[in-house]
Amino acid sequence: MIPTEDTGATGSERKRRDVSAPERCRVVSGVLSRIGDKWSVLVIILLSDGPKRFSELKRGVGSISQRMLTLTLRGLERDGLVTRTVTLSVPPRVDYALSELGHSLRAPVEALGDWAMTHHGRIEASRSLYDEREDS
């Protein structure tokens, strides 16, 4: 860690400055690689309404393969964002839900979604202008 001068900053502000930029990038990159892919975001959004079974998630996401949904759920569970509960019955019932940590991710994901919806038109216009310049 890089030592910093105490300027009266709060503990979390000091902690953010104590980590070097490359180290912060590695930490953030590692987390964003999980939550930044489109399938994880969609699963988090679907689970924000409450627990769901695998088949409900598959229908809700749409074009995801069974294998990709399985891998996404395993990754989210591994990272502590999703819990998996098996209820013994015939056939066994498996429910997925956001963990406490997963719920804490709802607001940032929703904010990012709101930002995307607000700026979608501008982004599409910029893409069109860029593509026109590249074509000429």
N, C-alpha and C. Protein backbone atom coordinates (compact mmCIF):
# COMPACT_ATOMS: atom_id res chain seq x y z
N MET A 1 0.82 -1.18 0.00
CA MET A 1 0.00 0.00 0.00
C MET A 1 0.87 1.24 0.00
N ILE A 2 0.35 2.27 -0.59
CA ILE A 2 1.05 3.54 -0.65
C ILE A 2 0.63 4.36 0.57
N PRO A 3 1.60 4.84 1.37
CA PRO A 3 1.20 5.66 2.52
C PRO A 3 0.61 6.98 2.06
N THR A 4 -0.36 7.49 2.81
CA THR A 4 -1.00 8.74 2.45
C THR A 4 -0.99 9.68 3.63
N GLU A 5 -1.11 10.94 3.36
CA GLU A 5 -1.20 11.97 4.39
C GLU A 5 -2.63 11.99 4.90
N ASP A 6 -2.81 12.05 6.21
CA ASP A 6 -4.16 12.12 6.76
C ASP A 6 -4.65 13.55 6.69
N THR A 7 -5.67 13.76 5.87
CA THR A 7 -6.20 15.11 5.67
C THR A 7 -7.58 15.24 6.29
N GLY A 8 -7.89 14.39 7.25
CA GLY A 8 -9.20 14.44 7.87
C GLY A 8 -10.25 13.67 7.08
N ALA A 9 -9.83 12.91 6.10
CA ALA A 9 -10.77 12.14 5.29
C ALA A 9 -11.35 11.03 6.15
N THR A 10 -12.52 10.56 5.76
CA THR A 10 -13.14 9.44 6.47
C THR A 10 -12.35 8.18 6.19
N GLY A 11 -12.62 7.14 6.94
CA GLY A 11 -11.91 5.87 6.78
C GLY A 11 -12.01 5.32 5.38
N SER A 12 -13.22 5.33 4.79
CA SER A 12 -13.38 4.78 3.44
C SER A 12 -12.68 5.64 2.40
N GLU A 13 -12.67 6.96 2.61
CA GLU A 13 -11.95 7.83 1.67
C GLU A 13 -10.46 7.57 1.74
N ARG A 14 -9.92 7.40 2.97
CA ARG A 14 -8.49 7.10 3.12
C ARG A 14 -8.17 5.76 2.48
N LYS A 15 -9.03 4.78 2.68
CA LYS A 15 -8.79 3.45 2.14
C LYS A 15 -8.72 3.49 0.62
N ARG A 16 -9.61 4.25 -0.02
CA ARG A 16 -9.60 4.36 -1.48
C ARG A 16 -8.29 4.96 -1.96
N ARG A 17 -7.75 5.94 -1.24
CA ARG A 17 -6.50 6.57 -1.66
C ARG A 17 -5.29 5.72 -1.32
N ASP A 18 -5.40 4.81 -0.35
CA ASP A 18 -4.28 3.99 0.07
C ASP A 18 -3.92 2.93 -0.97
N VAL A 19 -4.82 2.60 -1.82
CA VAL A 19 -4.58 1.55 -2.80
C VAL A 19 -4.09 2.20 -4.09
N SER A 20 -2.99 1.68 -4.62
CA SER A 20 -2.44 2.25 -5.85
C SER A 20 -3.41 2.06 -7.00
N ALA A 21 -3.29 2.93 -8.00
CA ALA A 21 -4.20 2.88 -9.15
C ALA A 21 -4.17 1.52 -9.84
N PRO A 22 -2.99 0.94 -10.12
CA PRO A 22 -3.01 -0.38 -10.77
C PRO A 22 -3.68 -1.45 -9.91
N GLU A 23 -3.47 -1.40 -8.60
CA GLU A 23 -4.10 -2.38 -7.72
C GLU A 23 -5.61 -2.19 -7.69
N ARG A 24 -6.07 -0.93 -7.64
CA ARG A 24 -7.51 -0.65 -7.70
C ARG A 24 -8.10 -1.19 -8.98
N CYS A 25 -7.39 -0.99 -10.09
CA CYS A 25 -7.88 -1.47 -11.39
C CYS A 25 -8.02 -2.99 -11.38
N ARG A 26 -7.04 -3.68 -10.80
CA ARG A 26 -7.12 -5.15 -10.74
C ARG A 26 -8.32 -5.60 -9.91
N VAL A 27 -8.52 -4.95 -8.76
CA VAL A 27 -9.65 -5.31 -7.88
C VAL A 27 -10.97 -5.05 -8.59
N VAL A 28 -11.10 -3.85 -9.13
CA VAL A 28 -12.36 -3.48 -9.81
C VAL A 28 -12.58 -4.36 -11.02
N SER A 29 -11.54 -4.61 -11.79
CA SER A 29 -11.66 -5.45 -12.98
C SER A 29 -12.15 -6.85 -12.63
N GLY A 30 -11.61 -7.40 -11.55
CA GLY A 30 -12.02 -8.73 -11.13
C GLY A 30 -13.50 -8.81 -10.78
N VAL A 31 -13.99 -7.79 -10.11
CA VAL A 31 -15.41 -7.76 -9.72
C VAL A 31 -16.28 -7.49 -10.94
N LEU A 32 -15.88 -6.51 -11.76
CA LEU A 32 -16.68 -6.16 -12.94
C LEU A 32 -16.74 -7.28 -13.96
N SER A 33 -15.72 -8.14 -13.99
CA SER A 33 -15.77 -9.25 -14.94
C SER A 33 -16.95 -10.17 -14.63
N ARG A 34 -17.34 -10.27 -13.37
CA ARG A 34 -18.49 -11.09 -13.00
C ARG A 34 -19.79 -10.35 -13.24
N ILE A 35 -19.90 -9.16 -12.70
CA ILE A 35 -21.19 -8.48 -12.74
C ILE A 35 -21.39 -7.66 -14.00
N GLY A 36 -20.35 -7.55 -14.81
CA GLY A 36 -20.44 -6.73 -16.01
C GLY A 36 -20.94 -7.46 -17.24
N ASP A 37 -21.04 -8.78 -17.17
CA ASP A 37 -21.52 -9.47 -18.36
C ASP A 37 -23.05 -9.41 -18.41
N LYS A 38 -23.58 -9.48 -19.62
CA LYS A 38 -25.02 -9.24 -19.78
C LYS A 38 -25.87 -10.28 -19.06
N TRP A 39 -25.42 -11.52 -19.00
CA TRP A 39 -26.24 -12.56 -18.37
C TRP A 39 -26.34 -12.32 -16.87
N SER A 40 -25.23 -11.98 -16.22
CA SER A 40 -25.25 -11.74 -14.78
C SER A 40 -26.17 -10.58 -14.44
N VAL A 41 -26.08 -9.52 -15.21
CA VAL A 41 -26.94 -8.35 -14.96
C VAL A 41 -28.40 -8.74 -15.09
N LEU A 42 -28.75 -9.50 -16.12
CA LEU A 42 -30.14 -9.90 -16.30
C LEU A 42 -30.62 -10.80 -15.16
N VAL A 43 -29.78 -11.73 -14.73
CA VAL A 43 -30.15 -12.62 -13.62
C VAL A 43 -30.35 -11.80 -12.35
N ILE A 44 -29.46 -10.87 -12.08
CA ILE A 44 -29.58 -10.03 -10.88
C ILE A 44 -30.89 -9.24 -10.93
N ILE A 45 -31.21 -8.69 -12.08
CA ILE A 45 -32.46 -7.94 -12.22
C ILE A 45 -33.66 -8.85 -11.98
N LEU A 46 -33.66 -10.04 -12.57
CA LEU A 46 -34.78 -10.97 -12.39
C LEU A 46 -34.92 -11.40 -10.93
N LEU A 47 -33.80 -11.62 -10.26
CA LEU A 47 -33.86 -12.08 -8.87
C LEU A 47 -34.18 -10.94 -7.89
N SER A 48 -34.14 -9.72 -8.37
CA SER A 48 -34.44 -8.61 -7.46
C SER A 48 -35.90 -8.63 -7.01
N ASP A 49 -36.76 -9.32 -7.76
CA ASP A 49 -38.17 -9.47 -7.38
C ASP A 49 -38.40 -10.58 -6.36
N GLY A 50 -37.38 -11.41 -6.14
CA GLY A 50 -37.51 -12.52 -5.21
C GLY A 50 -36.97 -13.80 -5.81
N PRO A 51 -36.95 -14.87 -5.02
CA PRO A 51 -36.39 -16.14 -5.48
C PRO A 51 -37.09 -16.66 -6.73
N LYS A 52 -36.31 -17.36 -7.56
CA LYS A 52 -36.84 -17.95 -8.79
C LYS A 52 -36.22 -19.33 -8.99
N ARG A 53 -36.99 -20.16 -9.66
CA ARG A 53 -36.47 -21.47 -10.07
C ARG A 53 -35.70 -21.31 -11.37
N PHE A 54 -34.88 -22.30 -11.68
CA PHE A 54 -34.05 -22.26 -12.87
C PHE A 54 -34.89 -22.00 -14.12
N SER A 55 -35.99 -22.72 -14.25
CA SER A 55 -36.83 -22.58 -15.45
C SER A 55 -37.43 -21.17 -15.55
N GLU A 56 -37.77 -20.56 -14.42
CA GLU A 56 -38.29 -19.19 -14.44
C GLU A 56 -37.21 -18.21 -14.92
N LEU A 57 -35.98 -18.43 -14.44
CA LEU A 57 -34.88 -17.57 -14.87
C LEU A 57 -34.62 -17.74 -16.37
N LYS A 58 -34.65 -18.98 -16.83
CA LYS A 58 -34.40 -19.25 -18.26
C LYS A 58 -35.44 -18.55 -19.12
N ARG A 59 -36.70 -18.65 -18.73
CA ARG A 59 -37.77 -17.96 -19.47
C ARG A 59 -37.59 -16.44 -19.41
N GLY A 60 -37.23 -15.94 -18.25
CA GLY A 60 -37.08 -14.50 -18.07
C GLY A 60 -35.93 -13.91 -18.87
N VAL A 61 -34.82 -14.64 -18.94
CA VAL A 61 -33.65 -14.15 -19.68
C VAL A 61 -33.88 -14.30 -21.17
N GLY A 62 -34.50 -15.38 -21.57
CA GLY A 62 -34.82 -15.55 -22.99
C GLY A 62 -33.80 -16.36 -23.75
N SER A 63 -32.92 -15.70 -24.46
CA SER A 63 -32.05 -16.37 -25.43
C SER A 63 -30.81 -17.03 -24.83
N ILE A 64 -30.76 -17.22 -23.55
CA ILE A 64 -29.60 -17.85 -22.91
C ILE A 64 -29.73 -19.37 -22.99
N SER A 65 -28.61 -20.04 -23.21
CA SER A 65 -28.62 -21.50 -23.22
C SER A 65 -28.66 -22.01 -21.79
N GLN A 66 -29.08 -23.25 -21.62
CA GLN A 66 -29.13 -23.85 -20.30
C GLN A 66 -27.73 -23.89 -19.68
N ARG A 67 -26.74 -24.23 -20.49
CA ARG A 67 -25.36 -24.30 -20.00
C ARG A 67 -24.87 -22.92 -19.54
N MET A 68 -25.15 -21.88 -20.32
CA MET A 68 -24.68 -20.54 -19.95
C MET A 68 -25.39 -20.04 -18.70
N LEU A 69 -26.67 -20.33 -18.56
CA LEU A 69 -27.38 -19.93 -17.35
C LEU A 69 -26.80 -20.66 -16.14
N THR A 70 -26.51 -21.94 -16.29
CA THR A 70 -25.89 -22.71 -15.21
C THR A 70 -24.56 -22.11 -14.81
N LEU A 71 -23.71 -21.79 -15.80
CA LEU A 71 -22.40 -21.19 -15.51
C LEU A 71 -22.54 -19.82 -14.84
N THR A 72 -23.49 -19.04 -15.31
CA THR A 72 -23.72 -17.71 -14.74
C THR A 72 -24.16 -17.83 -13.29
N LEU A 73 -25.11 -18.71 -13.02
CA LEU A 73 -25.59 -18.89 -11.65
C LEU A 73 -24.48 -19.41 -10.74
N ARG A 74 -23.68 -20.34 -11.23
CA ARG A 74 -22.56 -20.85 -10.42
C ARG A 74 -21.58 -19.74 -10.09
N GLY A 75 -21.26 -18.90 -11.07
CA GLY A 75 -20.34 -17.80 -10.84
C GLY A 75 -20.89 -16.80 -9.84
N LEU A 76 -22.17 -16.48 -9.97
CA LEU A 76 -22.80 -15.55 -9.02
C LEU A 76 -22.86 -16.14 -7.62
N GLU A 77 -23.10 -17.45 -7.55
CA GLU A 77 -23.12 -18.13 -6.25
C GLU A 77 -21.71 -18.15 -5.66
N ARG A 78 -20.72 -18.44 -6.47
CA ARG A 78 -19.32 -18.47 -6.01
C ARG A 78 -18.90 -17.12 -5.45
N ASP A 79 -19.34 -16.05 -6.09
CA ASP A 79 -18.98 -14.71 -5.65
C ASP A 79 -19.84 -14.21 -4.50
N GLY A 80 -20.78 -15.03 -4.04
CA GLY A 80 -21.60 -14.66 -2.89
C GLY A 80 -22.76 -13.74 -3.21
N LEU A 81 -23.11 -13.61 -4.49
CA LEU A 81 -24.19 -12.72 -4.88
C LEU A 81 -25.54 -13.43 -4.94
N VAL A 82 -25.51 -14.73 -5.12
CA VAL A 82 -26.73 -15.53 -5.26
C VAL A 82 -26.63 -16.73 -4.32
N THR A 83 -27.77 -17.10 -3.74
CA THR A 83 -27.84 -18.33 -2.94
C THR A 83 -28.64 -19.36 -3.71
N ARG A 84 -28.31 -20.61 -3.51
CA ARG A 84 -28.99 -21.73 -4.16
C ARG A 84 -29.54 -22.61 -3.05
N THR A 85 -30.86 -22.82 -3.07
CA THR A 85 -31.51 -23.63 -2.05
C THR A 85 -32.17 -24.83 -2.71
N VAL A 86 -31.79 -26.02 -2.25
CA VAL A 86 -32.37 -27.26 -2.78
C VAL A 86 -33.39 -27.77 -1.77
N THR A 87 -34.62 -27.99 -2.24
CA THR A 87 -35.67 -28.56 -1.42
C THR A 87 -35.90 -29.98 -1.92
N LEU A 88 -35.74 -30.94 -0.99
CA LEU A 88 -35.89 -32.34 -1.38
C LEU A 88 -37.35 -32.65 -1.66
N SER A 89 -37.60 -33.00 -2.87
CA SER A 89 -38.93 -33.42 -3.32
C SER A 89 -38.70 -34.22 -4.59
N VAL A 90 -39.77 -34.66 -5.21
CA VAL A 90 -39.64 -35.39 -6.48
C VAL A 90 -40.37 -34.60 -7.54
N PRO A 91 -39.71 -33.99 -8.49
CA PRO A 91 -38.24 -33.84 -8.57
C PRO A 91 -37.76 -32.81 -7.57
N PRO A 92 -36.45 -32.79 -7.29
CA PRO A 92 -35.92 -31.80 -6.34
C PRO A 92 -36.22 -30.37 -6.83
N ARG A 93 -36.51 -29.50 -5.91
CA ARG A 93 -36.78 -28.10 -6.25
C ARG A 93 -35.54 -27.28 -5.89
N VAL A 94 -35.09 -26.49 -6.84
CA VAL A 94 -33.92 -25.62 -6.63
C VAL A 94 -34.35 -24.19 -6.85
N ASP A 95 -34.14 -23.35 -5.84
CA ASP A 95 -34.48 -21.94 -5.93
C ASP A 95 -33.20 -21.11 -5.84
N TYR A 96 -33.18 -20.04 -6.60
CA TYR A 96 -32.07 -19.09 -6.58
C TYR A 96 -32.60 -17.77 -6.06
N ALA A 97 -31.79 -17.10 -5.25
CA ALA A 97 -32.18 -15.81 -4.68
C ALA A 97 -30.94 -14.94 -4.54
N LEU A 98 -31.16 -13.64 -4.50
CA LEU A 98 -30.05 -12.74 -4.21
C LEU A 98 -29.67 -12.87 -2.74
N SER A 99 -28.38 -12.91 -2.47
CA SER A 99 -27.90 -12.89 -1.10
C SER A 99 -27.95 -11.45 -0.60
N GLU A 100 -27.54 -11.23 0.62
CA GLU A 100 -27.47 -9.86 1.14
C GLU A 100 -26.51 -9.03 0.27
N LEU A 101 -25.39 -9.63 -0.08
CA LEU A 101 -24.43 -8.93 -0.95
C LEU A 101 -25.05 -8.66 -2.33
N GLY A 102 -25.79 -9.63 -2.85
CA GLY A 102 -26.46 -9.45 -4.14
C GLY A 102 -27.48 -8.33 -4.10
N HIS A 103 -28.22 -8.24 -3.00
CA HIS A 103 -29.19 -7.14 -2.85
C HIS A 103 -28.50 -5.79 -2.82
N SER A 104 -27.29 -5.74 -2.27
CA SER A 104 -26.57 -4.47 -2.23
C SER A 104 -26.14 -4.02 -3.62
N LEU A 105 -26.16 -4.94 -4.58
CA LEU A 105 -25.79 -4.63 -5.96
C LEU A 105 -26.98 -4.13 -6.78
N ARG A 106 -28.18 -4.30 -6.26
CA ARG A 106 -29.38 -3.90 -7.00
C ARG A 106 -29.37 -2.43 -7.40
N ALA A 107 -29.10 -1.55 -6.46
CA ALA A 107 -29.15 -0.11 -6.75
C ALA A 107 -28.15 0.29 -7.83
N PRO A 108 -26.87 -0.15 -7.74
CA PRO A 108 -25.96 0.21 -8.82
C PRO A 108 -26.36 -0.36 -10.18
N VAL A 109 -26.87 -1.59 -10.20
CA VAL A 109 -27.30 -2.19 -11.46
C VAL A 109 -28.50 -1.44 -12.03
N GLU A 110 -29.45 -1.11 -11.16
CA GLU A 110 -30.61 -0.34 -11.63
C GLU A 110 -30.20 1.04 -12.11
N ALA A 111 -29.26 1.68 -11.42
CA ALA A 111 -28.78 3.00 -11.84
C ALA A 111 -28.10 2.91 -13.20
N LEU A 112 -27.31 1.88 -13.41
CA LEU A 112 -26.66 1.69 -14.71
C LEU A 112 -27.70 1.45 -15.80
N GLY A 113 -28.72 0.66 -15.49
CA GLY A 113 -29.81 0.43 -16.45
C GLY A 113 -30.55 1.71 -16.77
N ASP A 114 -30.82 2.52 -15.75
CA ASP A 114 -31.49 3.81 -15.98
C ASP A 114 -30.63 4.71 -16.86
N TRP A 115 -29.33 4.74 -16.57
CA TRP A 115 -28.41 5.55 -17.37
C TRP A 115 -28.43 5.09 -18.83
N ALA A 116 -28.40 3.78 -19.04
CA ALA A 116 -28.41 3.23 -20.40
C ALA A 116 -29.69 3.61 -21.13
N MET A 117 -30.82 3.52 -20.46
CA MET A 117 -32.09 3.88 -21.09
C MET A 117 -32.14 5.37 -21.41
N THR A 118 -31.64 6.19 -20.51
CA THR A 118 -31.65 7.64 -20.71
C THR A 118 -30.76 8.05 -21.89
N HIS A 119 -29.62 7.40 -22.03
CA HIS A 119 -28.63 7.82 -23.03
C HIS A 119 -28.56 6.94 -24.28
N HIS A 120 -29.44 5.96 -24.35
CA HIS A 120 -29.43 5.03 -25.48
C HIS A 120 -29.51 5.76 -26.83
N GLY A 121 -30.39 6.71 -26.95
CA GLY A 121 -30.56 7.45 -28.20
C GLY A 121 -29.29 8.19 -28.60
N ARG A 122 -28.65 8.84 -27.65
CA ARG A 122 -27.41 9.56 -27.93
C ARG A 122 -26.30 8.60 -28.36
N ILE A 123 -26.23 7.45 -27.71
CA ILE A 123 -25.21 6.47 -28.05
C ILE A 123 -25.44 5.94 -29.46
N GLU A 124 -26.69 5.62 -29.79
CA GLU A 124 -27.01 5.14 -31.14
C GLU A 124 -26.68 6.19 -32.19
N ALA A 125 -26.98 7.46 -31.90
CA ALA A 125 -26.66 8.55 -32.84
C ALA A 125 -25.15 8.67 -33.03
N SER A 126 -24.40 8.55 -31.94
CA SER A 126 -22.94 8.62 -32.04
C SER A 126 -22.39 7.45 -32.85
N ARG A 127 -22.94 6.28 -32.66
CA ARG A 127 -22.51 5.11 -33.43
C ARG A 127 -22.76 5.32 -34.92
N SER A 128 -23.93 5.84 -35.23
CA SER A 128 -24.27 6.08 -36.64
C SER A 128 -23.31 7.07 -37.27
N LEU A 129 -23.03 8.17 -36.56
CA LEU A 129 -22.08 9.17 -37.08
C LEU A 129 -20.69 8.57 -37.26
N TYR A 130 -20.26 7.82 -36.31
CA TYR A 130 -18.95 7.16 -36.38
C TYR A 130 -18.89 6.21 -37.58
N ASP A 131 -19.92 5.37 -37.71
CA ASP A 131 -19.96 4.40 -38.81
C ASP A 131 -19.98 5.11 -40.17
N GLU A 132 -20.70 6.22 -40.27
CA GLU A 132 -20.73 6.99 -41.54
C GLU A 132 -19.35 7.51 -41.87
N ARG A 133 -18.63 8.04 -40.86
CA ARG A 133 -17.28 8.54 -41.10
C ARG A 133 -16.34 7.42 -41.52
N GLU A 134 -16.48 6.25 -40.91
CA GLU A 134 -15.62 5.11 -41.22
C GLU A 134 -15.90 4.58 -42.63
N ASP A 135 -17.15 4.66 -43.08
CA ASP A 135 -17.53 4.17 -44.41
C ASP A 135 -17.06 5.09 -45.51
N SER A 136 -16.83 6.37 -45.21
CA SER A 136 -16.45 7.28 -46.28
C SER A 136 -14.95 7.42 -46.44
